[in-house]
Amino acid sequence: MLKIIGAILIIGSCGALGLSARQELRRRIAAIDGCIKAVDRIESEIACCQTASRDLIDLLAREGDEQIAPVFRRMAEHLDRADGLSLGYKWRRAIEDVGPVCGLRADEIGILSDAAGFLGRYDSEQQLRSLRLTAARLEGVRSEAGEDLKNKGNLYRTCGLTLGVLAVILLL
């Protein structure tokens, strides 16, 4: 009886590891989608209302996509400090600190860090062009992440269960 319970626990835990890996892929896609929405919101606010950068960050921290809002909350915290550091530096710092917690990987973090170089620095037309480029780059990464989920998602789940069964066979 104990062997059966042990076998079920081993198979279940290995299957859970596979499902966890699949869920990480889904979380990454949700984070990228949140970033794309945030870039679109920034673009529309600059184009229509010419909202100041600080106000944009506060807006995204309050009303942004919940998957990515912690990044903008951290940016707002950094901006509250009167330490003389630039918006670009604080933007990069927040993305690098909180991005991985939200599900972002190095590709997305790099793209968003590049966006820090032009936000609030140039005229609105230049910022809009750069934001469109950033959104296009994020769409490309989103497409790759979607392919990863499609190709590897079921593989992770199946391999987890298979490895659990293999471990039970080896232990018996």
N, C-alpha and C. Protein backbone atom coordinates (compact mmCIF):
# COMPACT_ATOMS: atom_id res chain seq x y z
N MET A 1 0.81 -1.19 0.00
CA MET A 1 0.00 0.00 0.00
C MET A 1 0.87 1.27 0.00
N LEU A 2 1.92 1.25 0.81
CA LEU A 2 2.81 2.40 0.86
C LEU A 2 3.54 2.61 -0.47
N LYS A 3 3.85 1.49 -1.15
CA LYS A 3 4.51 1.63 -2.46
C LYS A 3 3.59 2.29 -3.47
N ILE A 4 2.32 1.95 -3.42
CA ILE A 4 1.37 2.54 -4.36
C ILE A 4 1.21 4.04 -4.06
N ILE A 5 1.10 4.38 -2.81
CA ILE A 5 0.99 5.80 -2.43
C ILE A 5 2.25 6.55 -2.84
N GLY A 6 3.41 5.95 -2.60
CA GLY A 6 4.68 6.58 -3.00
C GLY A 6 4.76 6.77 -4.51
N ALA A 7 4.32 5.75 -5.26
CA ALA A 7 4.34 5.83 -6.72
C ALA A 7 3.43 6.96 -7.21
N ILE A 8 2.24 7.06 -6.61
CA ILE A 8 1.31 8.11 -6.99
C ILE A 8 1.90 9.49 -6.68
N LEU A 9 2.54 9.61 -5.52
CA LEU A 9 3.14 10.89 -5.15
C LEU A 9 4.29 11.27 -6.10
N ILE A 10 5.11 10.31 -6.47
CA ILE A 10 6.22 10.59 -7.39
C ILE A 10 5.69 11.01 -8.75
N ILE A 11 4.75 10.26 -9.28
CA ILE A 11 4.19 10.59 -10.60
C ILE A 11 3.48 11.95 -10.54
N GLY A 12 2.73 12.18 -9.48
CA GLY A 12 2.03 13.46 -9.34
C GLY A 12 2.98 14.64 -9.23
N SER A 13 4.05 14.49 -8.46
CA SER A 13 4.98 15.61 -8.31
C SER A 13 5.74 15.88 -9.60
N CYS A 14 6.13 14.85 -10.31
CA CYS A 14 6.81 15.06 -11.60
C CYS A 14 5.86 15.69 -12.61
N GLY A 15 4.60 15.24 -12.60
CA GLY A 15 3.61 15.85 -13.48
C GLY A 15 3.37 17.31 -13.13
N ALA A 16 3.38 17.62 -11.85
CA ALA A 16 3.21 19.02 -11.42
C ALA A 16 4.38 19.88 -11.87
N LEU A 17 5.58 19.33 -11.87
CA LEU A 17 6.74 20.09 -12.37
C LEU A 17 6.58 20.40 -13.85
N GLY A 18 6.10 19.44 -14.62
CA GLY A 18 5.85 19.68 -16.04
C GLY A 18 4.78 20.73 -16.27
N LEU A 19 3.71 20.65 -15.48
CA LEU A 19 2.64 21.65 -15.60
C LEU A 19 3.12 23.02 -15.18
N SER A 20 4.01 23.08 -14.20
CA SER A 20 4.57 24.35 -13.75
C SER A 20 5.39 25.01 -14.86
N ALA A 21 6.18 24.20 -15.57
CA ALA A 21 6.97 24.75 -16.68
C ALA A 21 6.05 25.29 -17.77
N ARG A 22 4.97 24.59 -18.03
CA ARG A 22 4.00 25.05 -19.03
C ARG A 22 3.34 26.35 -18.57
N GLN A 23 3.02 26.43 -17.30
CA GLN A 23 2.41 27.64 -16.76
C GLN A 23 3.35 28.83 -16.84
N GLU A 24 4.64 28.61 -16.68
CA GLU A 24 5.62 29.69 -16.83
C GLU A 24 5.58 30.28 -18.24
N LEU A 25 5.43 29.42 -19.24
CA LEU A 25 5.31 29.91 -20.62
C LEU A 25 4.06 30.78 -20.78
N ARG A 26 2.96 30.32 -20.19
CA ARG A 26 1.73 31.12 -20.26
C ARG A 26 1.88 32.45 -19.53
N ARG A 27 2.56 32.42 -18.41
CA ARG A 27 2.79 33.64 -17.63
C ARG A 27 3.64 34.63 -18.42
N ARG A 28 4.62 34.13 -19.13
CA ARG A 28 5.46 35.00 -19.96
C ARG A 28 4.62 35.67 -21.04
N ILE A 29 3.77 34.91 -21.68
CA ILE A 29 2.92 35.47 -22.73
C ILE A 29 1.99 36.54 -22.16
N ALA A 30 1.43 36.28 -20.98
CA ALA A 30 0.56 37.27 -20.35
C ALA A 30 1.34 38.54 -20.01
N ALA A 31 2.58 38.40 -19.57
CA ALA A 31 3.41 39.57 -19.25
C ALA A 31 3.73 40.36 -20.51
N ILE A 32 4.05 39.67 -21.59
CA ILE A 32 4.34 40.36 -22.86
C ILE A 32 3.08 41.08 -23.35
N ASP A 33 1.94 40.42 -23.24
CA ASP A 33 0.68 41.07 -23.63
C ASP A 33 0.44 42.33 -22.81
N GLY A 34 0.74 42.27 -21.51
CA GLY A 34 0.60 43.44 -20.66
C GLY A 34 1.53 44.56 -21.07
N CYS A 35 2.73 44.20 -21.48
CA CYS A 35 3.70 45.21 -21.94
C CYS A 35 3.22 45.86 -23.23
N ILE A 36 2.69 45.07 -24.13
CA ILE A 36 2.18 45.61 -25.39
C ILE A 36 1.03 46.58 -25.12
N LYS A 37 0.13 46.20 -24.21
CA LYS A 37 -0.97 47.09 -23.84
C LYS A 37 -0.43 48.38 -23.23
N ALA A 38 0.59 48.26 -22.38
CA ALA A 38 1.16 49.45 -21.73
C ALA A 38 1.79 50.37 -22.77
N VAL A 39 2.53 49.80 -23.72
CA VAL A 39 3.16 50.62 -24.77
C VAL A 39 2.09 51.28 -25.62
N ASP A 40 1.02 50.56 -25.94
CA ASP A 40 -0.08 51.15 -26.70
C ASP A 40 -0.74 52.28 -25.92
N ARG A 41 -0.89 52.09 -24.63
CA ARG A 41 -1.50 53.14 -23.79
C ARG A 41 -0.60 54.38 -23.73
N ILE A 42 0.69 54.14 -23.58
CA ILE A 42 1.64 55.27 -23.57
C ILE A 42 1.57 56.02 -24.89
N GLU A 43 1.55 55.25 -25.97
CA GLU A 43 1.49 55.86 -27.31
C GLU A 43 0.23 56.71 -27.47
N SER A 44 -0.91 56.18 -27.06
CA SER A 44 -2.16 56.94 -27.23
C SER A 44 -2.19 58.16 -26.32
N GLU A 45 -1.65 58.05 -25.12
CA GLU A 45 -1.62 59.20 -24.20
C GLU A 45 -0.71 60.30 -24.74
N ILE A 46 0.42 59.92 -25.32
CA ILE A 46 1.32 60.93 -25.88
C ILE A 46 0.71 61.56 -27.11
N ALA A 47 0.08 60.74 -27.97
CA ALA A 47 -0.49 61.25 -29.21
C ALA A 47 -1.71 62.14 -28.97
N CYS A 48 -2.58 61.74 -28.07
CA CYS A 48 -3.83 62.46 -27.90
C CYS A 48 -3.78 63.55 -26.83
N CYS A 49 -3.20 63.21 -25.70
CA CYS A 49 -3.28 64.13 -24.55
C CYS A 49 -1.95 64.78 -24.20
N GLN A 50 -0.87 64.29 -24.79
CA GLN A 50 0.49 64.75 -24.47
C GLN A 50 0.72 64.71 -22.95
N THR A 51 0.35 63.58 -22.37
CA THR A 51 0.49 63.36 -20.93
C THR A 51 1.97 63.30 -20.56
N ALA A 52 2.31 63.89 -19.44
CA ALA A 52 3.69 63.87 -18.96
C ALA A 52 4.10 62.46 -18.56
N SER A 53 5.39 62.17 -18.66
CA SER A 53 5.90 60.83 -18.38
C SER A 53 5.54 60.36 -16.97
N ARG A 54 5.70 61.22 -16.01
CA ARG A 54 5.38 60.86 -14.62
C ARG A 54 3.91 60.48 -14.48
N ASP A 55 3.04 61.26 -15.11
CA ASP A 55 1.61 60.97 -15.03
C ASP A 55 1.27 59.66 -15.74
N LEU A 56 1.97 59.37 -16.83
CA LEU A 56 1.77 58.10 -17.54
C LEU A 56 2.13 56.92 -16.66
N ILE A 57 3.23 57.02 -15.97
CA ILE A 57 3.66 55.91 -15.12
C ILE A 57 2.67 55.72 -13.97
N ASP A 58 2.21 56.81 -13.37
CA ASP A 58 1.20 56.71 -12.31
C ASP A 58 -0.08 56.08 -12.84
N LEU A 59 -0.48 56.46 -14.04
CA LEU A 59 -1.68 55.92 -14.67
C LEU A 59 -1.55 54.42 -14.89
N LEU A 60 -0.41 53.98 -15.42
CA LEU A 60 -0.20 52.56 -15.67
C LEU A 60 -0.05 51.77 -14.38
N ALA A 61 0.48 52.39 -13.34
CA ALA A 61 0.58 51.72 -12.05
C ALA A 61 -0.80 51.48 -11.45
N ARG A 62 -1.72 52.42 -11.66
CA ARG A 62 -3.07 52.31 -11.12
C ARG A 62 -3.98 51.47 -11.99
N GLU A 63 -3.94 51.73 -13.30
CA GLU A 63 -4.95 51.16 -14.20
C GLU A 63 -4.39 50.17 -15.20
N GLY A 64 -3.12 49.88 -15.10
CA GLY A 64 -2.50 49.00 -16.08
C GLY A 64 -2.86 47.53 -15.89
N ASP A 65 -2.44 46.74 -16.82
CA ASP A 65 -2.63 45.29 -16.77
C ASP A 65 -2.02 44.75 -15.48
N GLU A 66 -2.76 43.93 -14.75
CA GLU A 66 -2.30 43.45 -13.45
C GLU A 66 -1.01 42.62 -13.53
N GLN A 67 -0.78 41.99 -14.65
CA GLN A 67 0.44 41.19 -14.79
C GLN A 67 1.68 42.08 -14.78
N ILE A 68 1.60 43.27 -15.35
CA ILE A 68 2.77 44.12 -15.50
C ILE A 68 2.71 45.38 -14.62
N ALA A 69 1.60 45.65 -13.97
CA ALA A 69 1.45 46.84 -13.13
C ALA A 69 2.52 46.95 -12.03
N PRO A 70 2.99 45.84 -11.44
CA PRO A 70 4.05 45.99 -10.42
C PRO A 70 5.31 46.69 -10.93
N VAL A 71 5.61 46.55 -12.19
CA VAL A 71 6.77 47.23 -12.76
C VAL A 71 6.55 48.74 -12.70
N PHE A 72 5.37 49.18 -13.07
CA PHE A 72 5.07 50.61 -13.08
C PHE A 72 4.92 51.15 -11.65
N ARG A 73 4.47 50.30 -10.74
CA ARG A 73 4.44 50.73 -9.34
C ARG A 73 5.85 50.97 -8.82
N ARG A 74 6.77 50.08 -9.20
CA ARG A 74 8.16 50.26 -8.78
C ARG A 74 8.75 51.52 -9.41
N MET A 75 8.41 51.76 -10.69
CA MET A 75 8.87 53.00 -11.34
C MET A 75 8.37 54.22 -10.59
N ALA A 76 7.10 54.19 -10.21
CA ALA A 76 6.52 55.32 -9.48
C ALA A 76 7.24 55.52 -8.14
N GLU A 77 7.58 54.42 -7.49
CA GLU A 77 8.34 54.52 -6.24
C GLU A 77 9.70 55.17 -6.48
N HIS A 78 10.38 54.75 -7.54
CA HIS A 78 11.68 55.33 -7.87
C HIS A 78 11.54 56.82 -8.19
N LEU A 79 10.47 57.18 -8.89
CA LEU A 79 10.27 58.58 -9.26
C LEU A 79 9.92 59.45 -8.06
N ASP A 80 9.35 58.84 -7.03
CA ASP A 80 9.03 59.60 -5.81
C ASP A 80 10.29 60.06 -5.08
N ARG A 81 11.37 59.33 -5.28
CA ARG A 81 12.62 59.70 -4.63
C ARG A 81 13.28 60.85 -5.40
N ALA A 82 13.66 61.85 -4.70
CA ALA A 82 14.33 63.00 -5.32
C ALA A 82 15.84 62.77 -5.25
N ASP A 83 16.32 61.85 -6.07
CA ASP A 83 17.73 61.48 -6.02
C ASP A 83 18.52 61.98 -7.23
N GLY A 84 17.87 62.70 -8.13
CA GLY A 84 18.55 63.28 -9.27
C GLY A 84 18.82 62.32 -10.41
N LEU A 85 18.35 61.08 -10.29
CA LEU A 85 18.56 60.11 -11.37
C LEU A 85 17.52 60.32 -12.46
N SER A 86 17.88 59.99 -13.68
CA SER A 86 17.00 60.24 -14.83
C SER A 86 15.83 59.26 -14.88
N LEU A 87 14.81 59.65 -15.63
CA LEU A 87 13.66 58.78 -15.85
C LEU A 87 14.11 57.49 -16.53
N GLY A 88 15.00 57.60 -17.50
CA GLY A 88 15.47 56.41 -18.20
C GLY A 88 16.14 55.41 -17.28
N TYR A 89 16.95 55.91 -16.37
CA TYR A 89 17.63 55.03 -15.42
C TYR A 89 16.61 54.35 -14.50
N LYS A 90 15.66 55.12 -14.01
CA LYS A 90 14.66 54.56 -13.11
C LYS A 90 13.75 53.56 -13.83
N TRP A 91 13.46 53.85 -15.09
CA TRP A 91 12.66 52.93 -15.92
C TRP A 91 13.40 51.60 -16.05
N ARG A 92 14.67 51.67 -16.45
CA ARG A 92 15.47 50.44 -16.61
C ARG A 92 15.56 49.67 -15.30
N ARG A 93 15.84 50.39 -14.25
CA ARG A 93 16.02 49.75 -12.95
C ARG A 93 14.76 49.01 -12.52
N ALA A 94 13.60 49.63 -12.69
CA ALA A 94 12.33 49.00 -12.30
C ALA A 94 12.06 47.76 -13.14
N ILE A 95 12.32 47.86 -14.44
CA ILE A 95 12.07 46.71 -15.32
C ILE A 95 13.02 45.56 -14.99
N GLU A 96 14.27 45.87 -14.73
CA GLU A 96 15.23 44.83 -14.41
C GLU A 96 14.96 44.21 -13.04
N ASP A 97 14.46 45.00 -12.09
CA ASP A 97 14.19 44.49 -10.75
C ASP A 97 12.91 43.66 -10.69
N VAL A 98 11.84 44.18 -11.27
CA VAL A 98 10.52 43.58 -11.09
C VAL A 98 10.08 42.75 -12.30
N GLY A 99 10.65 43.02 -13.47
CA GLY A 99 10.26 42.31 -14.68
C GLY A 99 10.29 40.80 -14.56
N PRO A 100 11.39 40.22 -14.06
CA PRO A 100 11.41 38.75 -13.93
C PRO A 100 10.34 38.21 -12.98
N VAL A 101 10.00 38.96 -11.95
CA VAL A 101 8.96 38.53 -11.02
C VAL A 101 7.61 38.50 -11.73
N CYS A 102 7.41 39.41 -12.67
CA CYS A 102 6.16 39.49 -13.43
C CYS A 102 6.09 38.47 -14.56
N GLY A 103 7.18 37.81 -14.86
CA GLY A 103 7.19 36.80 -15.92
C GLY A 103 7.97 37.20 -17.15
N LEU A 104 8.61 38.35 -17.13
CA LEU A 104 9.39 38.80 -18.29
C LEU A 104 10.75 38.11 -18.30
N ARG A 105 11.23 37.84 -19.50
CA ARG A 105 12.56 37.27 -19.66
C ARG A 105 13.49 38.32 -20.26
N ALA A 106 14.72 37.92 -20.49
CA ALA A 106 15.76 38.86 -20.92
C ALA A 106 15.40 39.59 -22.21
N ASP A 107 14.77 38.91 -23.16
CA ASP A 107 14.41 39.55 -24.43
C ASP A 107 13.48 40.74 -24.21
N GLU A 108 12.42 40.51 -23.46
CA GLU A 108 11.44 41.57 -23.22
C GLU A 108 12.04 42.68 -22.37
N ILE A 109 12.81 42.29 -21.38
CA ILE A 109 13.45 43.29 -20.52
C ILE A 109 14.38 44.18 -21.34
N GLY A 110 15.12 43.59 -22.27
CA GLY A 110 16.00 44.37 -23.15
C GLY A 110 15.24 45.33 -24.03
N ILE A 111 14.14 44.87 -24.60
CA ILE A 111 13.33 45.74 -25.46
C ILE A 111 12.77 46.91 -24.67
N LEU A 112 12.24 46.62 -23.50
CA LEU A 112 11.66 47.69 -22.67
C LEU A 112 12.74 48.61 -22.12
N SER A 113 13.91 48.08 -21.85
CA SER A 113 15.01 48.94 -21.40
C SER A 113 15.44 49.89 -22.50
N ASP A 114 15.42 49.41 -23.74
CA ASP A 114 15.75 50.29 -24.87
C ASP A 114 14.77 51.45 -24.97
N ALA A 115 13.51 51.20 -24.60
CA ALA A 115 12.49 52.25 -24.66
C ALA A 115 12.80 53.39 -23.69
N ALA A 116 13.57 53.11 -22.67
CA ALA A 116 13.91 54.15 -21.69
C ALA A 116 14.75 55.26 -22.30
N GLY A 117 15.44 54.96 -23.39
CA GLY A 117 16.33 55.94 -24.00
C GLY A 117 15.62 57.09 -24.70
N PHE A 118 14.36 56.93 -25.03
CA PHE A 118 13.68 58.00 -25.77
C PHE A 118 12.46 58.57 -25.07
N LEU A 119 11.94 57.90 -24.07
CA LEU A 119 10.74 58.41 -23.40
C LEU A 119 11.04 59.70 -22.66
N GLY A 120 10.26 60.71 -22.95
CA GLY A 120 10.40 61.99 -22.28
C GLY A 120 11.58 62.82 -22.75
N ARG A 121 12.30 62.36 -23.76
CA ARG A 121 13.51 63.07 -24.17
C ARG A 121 13.36 63.81 -25.49
N TYR A 122 12.54 63.31 -26.39
CA TYR A 122 12.42 63.88 -27.72
C TYR A 122 11.02 64.43 -27.93
N ASP A 123 10.78 64.99 -29.11
CA ASP A 123 9.44 65.48 -29.41
C ASP A 123 8.48 64.31 -29.51
N SER A 124 7.20 64.60 -29.49
CA SER A 124 6.19 63.54 -29.42
C SER A 124 6.22 62.64 -30.65
N GLU A 125 6.49 63.18 -31.83
CA GLU A 125 6.54 62.36 -33.04
C GLU A 125 7.65 61.31 -32.96
N GLN A 126 8.81 61.73 -32.50
CA GLN A 126 9.93 60.79 -32.36
C GLN A 126 9.60 59.72 -31.31
N GLN A 127 8.99 60.13 -30.23
CA GLN A 127 8.61 59.17 -29.20
C GLN A 127 7.58 58.17 -29.75
N LEU A 128 6.63 58.66 -30.53
CA LEU A 128 5.62 57.77 -31.11
C LEU A 128 6.23 56.77 -32.07
N ARG A 129 7.17 57.21 -32.89
CA ARG A 129 7.86 56.28 -33.80
C ARG A 129 8.60 55.22 -33.01
N SER A 130 9.28 55.64 -31.98
CA SER A 130 10.04 54.69 -31.17
C SER A 130 9.12 53.74 -30.42
N LEU A 131 7.99 54.22 -29.96
CA LEU A 131 7.03 53.36 -29.29
C LEU A 131 6.44 52.33 -30.25
N ARG A 132 6.19 52.73 -31.49
CA ARG A 132 5.70 51.77 -32.48
C ARG A 132 6.73 50.68 -32.75
N LEU A 133 7.99 51.07 -32.82
CA LEU A 133 9.07 50.10 -33.00
C LEU A 133 9.15 49.16 -31.80
N THR A 134 9.02 49.72 -30.61
CA THR A 134 9.04 48.90 -29.39
C THR A 134 7.88 47.90 -29.42
N ALA A 135 6.70 48.37 -29.78
CA ALA A 135 5.53 47.49 -29.84
C ALA A 135 5.73 46.39 -30.88
N ALA A 136 6.32 46.73 -32.02
CA ALA A 136 6.57 45.72 -33.06
C ALA A 136 7.57 44.68 -32.57
N ARG A 137 8.60 45.13 -31.88
CA ARG A 137 9.58 44.19 -31.33
C ARG A 137 8.94 43.27 -30.29
N LEU A 138 8.09 43.84 -29.45
CA LEU A 138 7.39 43.03 -28.45
C LEU A 138 6.44 42.03 -29.11
N GLU A 139 5.79 42.45 -30.19
CA GLU A 139 4.92 41.53 -30.94
C GLU A 139 5.72 40.35 -31.48
N GLY A 140 6.93 40.62 -31.96
CA GLY A 140 7.79 39.54 -32.46
C GLY A 140 8.16 38.56 -31.36
N VAL A 141 8.51 39.09 -30.20
CA VAL A 141 8.84 38.23 -29.06
C VAL A 141 7.60 37.46 -28.61
N ARG A 142 6.44 38.12 -28.66
CA ARG A 142 5.18 37.47 -28.28
C ARG A 142 4.88 36.31 -29.21
N SER A 143 5.14 36.50 -30.48
CA SER A 143 4.93 35.45 -31.46
C SER A 143 5.84 34.25 -31.18
N GLU A 144 7.10 34.52 -30.87
CA GLU A 144 8.04 33.45 -30.54
C GLU A 144 7.61 32.71 -29.27
N ALA A 145 7.15 33.45 -28.27
CA ALA A 145 6.70 32.84 -27.02
C ALA A 145 5.46 31.98 -27.26
N GLY A 146 4.57 32.44 -28.14
CA GLY A 146 3.39 31.65 -28.49
C GLY A 146 3.78 30.35 -29.18
N GLU A 147 4.78 30.42 -30.04
CA GLU A 147 5.28 29.20 -30.69
C GLU A 147 5.89 28.25 -29.67
N ASP A 148 6.63 28.81 -28.71
CA ASP A 148 7.21 27.97 -27.64
C ASP A 148 6.11 27.26 -26.86
N LEU A 149 5.06 27.98 -26.53
CA LEU A 149 3.96 27.37 -25.79
C LEU A 149 3.30 26.27 -26.62
N LYS A 150 3.10 26.56 -27.88
CA LYS A 150 2.45 25.58 -28.76
C LYS A 150 3.32 24.34 -28.93
N ASN A 151 4.63 24.54 -29.10
CA ASN A 151 5.52 23.41 -29.36
C ASN A 151 5.98 22.70 -28.10
N LYS A 152 6.24 23.45 -27.04
CA LYS A 152 6.83 22.86 -25.85
C LYS A 152 5.85 22.66 -24.70
N GLY A 153 4.72 23.33 -24.73
CA GLY A 153 3.79 23.27 -23.61
C GLY A 153 3.33 21.87 -23.29
N ASN A 154 2.82 21.16 -24.28
CA ASN A 154 2.37 19.79 -24.06
C ASN A 154 3.55 18.86 -23.79
N LEU A 155 4.68 19.17 -24.39
CA LEU A 155 5.89 18.37 -24.17
C LEU A 155 6.30 18.40 -22.70
N TYR A 156 6.28 19.58 -22.10
CA TYR A 156 6.63 19.69 -20.68
C TYR A 156 5.71 18.85 -19.81
N ARG A 157 4.41 18.95 -20.06
CA ARG A 157 3.44 18.19 -19.28
C ARG A 157 3.67 16.69 -19.44
N THR A 158 3.82 16.25 -20.69
CA THR A 158 4.00 14.84 -20.96
C THR A 158 5.32 14.32 -20.41
N CYS A 159 6.38 15.07 -20.56
CA CYS A 159 7.68 14.64 -20.05
C CYS A 159 7.67 14.55 -18.53
N GLY A 160 6.98 15.45 -17.86
CA GLY A 160 6.89 15.39 -16.41
C GLY A 160 6.24 14.09 -15.95
N LEU A 161 5.13 13.76 -16.56
CA LEU A 161 4.46 12.51 -16.21
C LEU A 161 5.29 11.29 -16.58
N THR A 162 5.92 11.34 -17.74
CA THR A 162 6.75 10.21 -18.19
C THR A 162 7.94 10.00 -17.26
N LEU A 163 8.57 11.08 -16.87
CA LEU A 163 9.70 10.94 -15.94
C LEU A 163 9.25 10.41 -14.59
N GLY A 164 8.07 10.78 -14.16
CA GLY A 164 7.53 10.24 -12.91
C GLY A 164 7.31 8.76 -13.00
N VAL A 165 6.74 8.31 -14.11
CA VAL A 165 6.52 6.87 -14.30
C VAL A 165 7.87 6.15 -14.38
N LEU A 166 8.81 6.72 -15.08
CA LEU A 166 10.14 6.11 -15.19
C LEU A 166 10.82 6.02 -13.82
N ALA A 167 10.69 7.05 -13.01
CA ALA A 167 11.29 7.02 -11.67
C ALA A 167 10.66 5.94 -10.82
N VAL A 168 9.34 5.77 -10.93
CA VAL A 168 8.66 4.72 -10.16
C VAL A 168 9.13 3.34 -10.62
N ILE A 169 9.26 3.16 -11.93
CA ILE A 169 9.72 1.87 -12.45
C ILE A 169 11.12 1.57 -11.95
N LEU A 170 11.98 2.58 -11.96
CA LEU A 170 13.36 2.38 -11.51
C LEU A 170 13.43 2.08 -10.00
N LEU A 171 12.54 2.67 -9.24
CA LEU A 171 12.56 2.46 -7.79
C LEU A 171 11.92 1.15 -7.36
N LEU A 172 11.09 0.58 -8.21
CA LEU A 172 10.45 -0.71 -7.85
C LEU A 172 11.34 -1.83 -8.15
